[in-house]
């Protein structure tokens, strides 16, 4: 996995000294990727995740950490919506994009019933992915194995790192242009 630690300042000692094979270190790196430029948010989410899991962040122990992560980052650095809940998906992506002062052009007026009737979450996800790429971000979604869509946004320059890291974590991810 590429070392992207040079992309982030560590003036306050926020980067923990982990063994690179440590599962908690991998989760920490994921939080860094999905909170670009926001060390405080990454640290707060990592602390909340550790608290939720009883201080044991171990991706090798099953999927509990991923669902706990989903709860910790929901609407802060990630999203999780029902497969047919287009309104919540749009609101979540707009909230997440606002962190970088970005607005998504959905290709039409979402309040127009004729336009909105043709949309589903995968189509909206693909549109959001394309619009975010124009600004250097990638919308990711992971395979929940359920009737939900979940994911996060990271810098496009970290695409390879995201794929490698998620592979190490056992999380199947795809860009938002190819929803599960």
Protein backbone atom coordinates (compact mmCIF):
# COMPACT_ATOMS: atom_id res chain seq x y z
CA UNK A 1 0.00 0.00 0.00
CA UNK A 2 1.39 3.43 -0.90
CA UNK A 3 2.50 5.59 1.99
CA UNK A 4 0.47 8.80 1.75
CA UNK A 5 1.51 10.16 5.13
CA UNK A 6 3.46 12.94 3.41
CA UNK A 7 0.14 14.35 2.17
CA UNK A 8 -0.93 15.16 5.72
CA UNK A 9 0.58 17.38 8.33
CA UNK A 10 1.43 15.81 11.66
CA UNK A 11 2.38 18.92 13.63
CA UNK A 12 0.21 17.90 16.56
CA UNK A 13 1.23 14.24 16.70
CA UNK A 14 -2.13 13.04 15.42
CA UNK A 15 -0.71 10.15 13.44
CA UNK A 16 -0.44 7.21 15.77
CA UNK A 17 2.65 5.00 15.72
CA UNK A 18 1.11 1.75 14.44
CA UNK A 19 2.67 -1.40 13.13
CA UNK A 20 1.82 -1.39 9.42
CA UNK A 21 0.19 -4.83 9.73
CA UNK A 22 -2.07 -3.57 12.51
CA UNK A 23 -5.76 -3.60 11.54
CA UNK A 24 -6.44 -0.50 13.62
CA UNK A 25 -3.77 1.35 11.61
CA UNK A 26 -5.53 0.40 8.40
CA UNK A 27 -8.86 1.69 9.71
CA UNK A 28 -7.11 4.89 10.84
CA UNK A 29 -5.69 5.32 7.32
CA UNK A 30 -9.17 4.82 5.87
CA UNK A 31 -10.47 7.60 8.11
CA UNK A 32 -7.61 9.83 6.91
CA UNK A 33 -8.59 9.16 3.31
CA UNK A 34 -12.29 9.90 3.80
CA UNK A 35 -11.64 13.04 5.84
CA UNK A 36 -9.12 14.80 3.58
CA UNK A 37 -7.64 17.82 5.29
CA UNK A 38 -9.71 17.36 8.46
CA UNK A 39 -7.51 15.74 11.10
CA UNK A 40 -9.91 16.61 13.89
CA UNK A 41 -12.80 14.79 12.22
CA UNK A 42 -10.66 11.71 11.50
CA UNK A 43 -9.45 11.59 15.09
CA UNK A 44 -12.95 12.11 16.53
CA UNK A 45 -14.37 9.36 14.31
CA UNK A 46 -11.56 6.98 15.20
CA UNK A 47 -12.10 7.63 18.91
CA UNK A 48 -15.87 7.13 18.49
CA UNK A 49 -15.24 3.89 16.61
CA UNK A 50 -12.91 2.60 19.32
CA UNK A 51 -15.47 3.50 21.97
CA UNK A 52 -18.24 1.79 19.99
CA UNK A 53 -16.14 -1.38 19.65
CA UNK A 54 -14.82 -1.42 23.21
CA UNK A 55 -11.35 -0.13 22.21
CA UNK A 56 -10.80 -3.15 19.92
CA UNK A 57 -10.70 -2.08 16.26
CA UNK A 58 -9.91 -5.38 14.56
CA UNK A 59 -10.95 -5.78 10.91
CA UNK A 60 -9.77 -9.40 11.04
CA UNK A 61 -12.52 -10.23 13.57
CA UNK A 62 -15.46 -9.86 11.17
CA UNK A 63 -17.71 -7.14 9.81
CA UNK A 64 -18.71 -5.53 13.14
CA UNK A 65 -16.05 -2.84 12.77
CA UNK A 66 -17.37 -1.86 9.31
CA UNK A 67 -20.96 -1.44 10.48
CA UNK A 68 -19.73 0.50 13.51
CA UNK A 69 -17.63 2.67 11.17
CA UNK A 70 -20.70 3.23 9.02
CA UNK A 71 -22.57 4.56 12.06
CA UNK A 72 -19.66 6.75 13.18
CA UNK A 73 -19.12 8.41 9.79
CA UNK A 74 -22.78 8.58 8.68
CA UNK A 75 -23.52 12.07 7.27
CA UNK A 76 -20.11 13.27 8.53
CA UNK A 77 -17.74 11.45 6.16
CA UNK A 78 -19.98 8.77 4.68
CA UNK A 79 -23.51 7.77 3.78
CA UNK A 80 -25.84 4.81 4.11
CA UNK A 81 -29.28 4.89 2.52
CA UNK A 82 -32.03 2.47 1.61
CA UNK A 83 -31.84 1.24 -1.99
CA UNK A 84 -34.85 3.31 -3.04
CA UNK A 85 -34.41 6.40 -0.84
CA UNK A 86 -33.29 8.92 -3.43
CA UNK A 87 -34.13 11.93 -1.25
CA UNK A 88 -31.86 10.78 1.59
CA UNK A 89 -29.08 9.95 -0.86
CA UNK A 90 -29.22 13.43 -2.41
CA UNK A 91 -29.30 15.10 1.00
CA UNK A 92 -26.39 13.01 2.31
CA UNK A 93 -24.20 13.68 -0.74
CA UNK A 94 -25.00 17.38 -0.65
CA UNK A 95 -24.08 17.47 3.04
CA UNK A 96 -20.81 15.63 2.44
CA UNK A 97 -19.91 17.77 -0.58
CA UNK A 98 -20.54 20.94 1.38
CA UNK A 99 -17.42 20.12 3.45
CA UNK A 100 -15.43 21.37 0.44
CA UNK A 101 -17.95 24.03 -0.63
CA UNK A 102 -19.10 21.90 -3.57
CA UNK A 103 -22.60 21.64 -4.98
CA UNK A 104 -23.71 18.75 -7.13
CA UNK A 105 -25.44 19.46 -10.44
CA UNK A 106 -27.90 16.58 -10.59
CA UNK A 107 -28.75 17.26 -14.23
CA UNK A 108 -32.19 18.67 -13.58
CA UNK A 109 -34.60 19.93 -10.97
CA UNK A 110 -35.07 17.26 -8.32
CA UNK A 111 -38.33 18.96 -7.30
CA UNK A 112 -39.71 18.31 -10.79
CA UNK A 113 -41.77 15.12 -10.43
CA UNK A 114 -41.20 14.05 -14.04
CA UNK A 115 -37.44 14.40 -13.72
CA UNK A 116 -37.25 12.81 -10.27
CA UNK A 117 -39.49 9.88 -11.25
CA UNK A 118 -36.81 8.66 -13.68
CA UNK A 119 -34.08 8.59 -11.01
CA UNK A 120 -32.86 5.89 -8.68
CA UNK A 121 -29.96 5.80 -6.23
CA UNK A 122 -27.51 4.15 -8.69
CA UNK A 123 -28.20 6.84 -11.32
CA UNK A 124 -27.81 9.60 -8.75
CA UNK A 125 -24.63 8.00 -7.42
CA UNK A 126 -23.15 7.89 -10.90
CA UNK A 127 -24.03 11.56 -11.47
CA UNK A 128 -22.54 12.58 -8.11
CA UNK A 129 -19.39 10.58 -8.86
CA UNK A 130 -18.95 12.34 -12.20
CA UNK A 131 -19.54 15.81 -10.72
CA UNK A 132 -17.16 15.18 -7.80
CA UNK A 133 -14.42 13.92 -10.15
CA UNK A 134 -14.50 17.33 -11.84
CA UNK A 135 -13.25 18.76 -8.54
CA UNK A 136 -10.69 16.08 -7.67
CA UNK A 137 -12.85 13.81 -5.50
CA UNK A 138 -14.08 10.25 -5.89
CA UNK A 139 -17.38 8.95 -4.57
CA UNK A 140 -16.93 5.36 -3.36
CA UNK A 141 -19.53 2.76 -2.47
CA UNK A 142 -19.00 -0.52 -0.66
CA UNK A 143 -20.83 -3.79 -0.94
CA UNK A 144 -23.17 -3.86 2.04
CA UNK A 145 -24.70 -7.20 1.06
CA UNK A 146 -28.06 -5.64 1.93
CA UNK A 147 -30.72 -3.48 0.30
CA UNK A 148 -28.71 -0.37 1.15
CA UNK A 149 -26.07 1.77 -0.47
CA UNK A 150 -23.16 2.99 1.61
CA UNK A 151 -19.92 4.77 0.92
CA UNK A 152 -17.73 7.82 1.30
CA UNK A 153 -15.81 10.48 -0.62
CA UNK A 154 -12.02 10.79 -0.87
CA UNK A 155 -9.51 12.69 -2.97
CA UNK A 156 -9.15 11.24 -6.48
CA UNK A 157 -5.36 11.26 -6.13
CA UNK A 158 -5.84 8.59 -3.44
CA UNK A 159 -7.83 6.18 -5.64
CA UNK A 160 -5.09 3.55 -5.78
CA UNK A 161 -4.46 3.83 -2.05
CA UNK A 162 -8.21 3.47 -1.38
CA UNK A 163 -8.41 0.30 -3.47
CA UNK A 164 -5.31 -1.21 -1.88
CA UNK A 165 -6.36 -0.27 1.66
CA UNK A 166 -9.91 -1.57 1.25
CA UNK A 167 -8.53 -4.80 -0.18
CA UNK A 168 -6.37 -5.20 2.94
CA UNK A 169 -9.41 -4.45 5.10
CA UNK A 170 -11.56 -6.96 3.23
CA UNK A 171 -14.02 -4.27 2.10
CA UNK A 172 -15.26 -4.56 -1.47
CA UNK A 173 -15.46 -1.02 -2.88
CA UNK A 174 -16.21 0.48 -6.25
CA UNK A 175 -16.30 4.02 -7.57
CA UNK A 176 -19.76 5.56 -7.49
CA UNK A 177 -19.89 5.30 -11.27
CA UNK A 178 -20.31 1.53 -10.76
CA UNK A 179 -22.72 1.04 -7.81
CA UNK A 180 -23.30 -2.37 -6.29
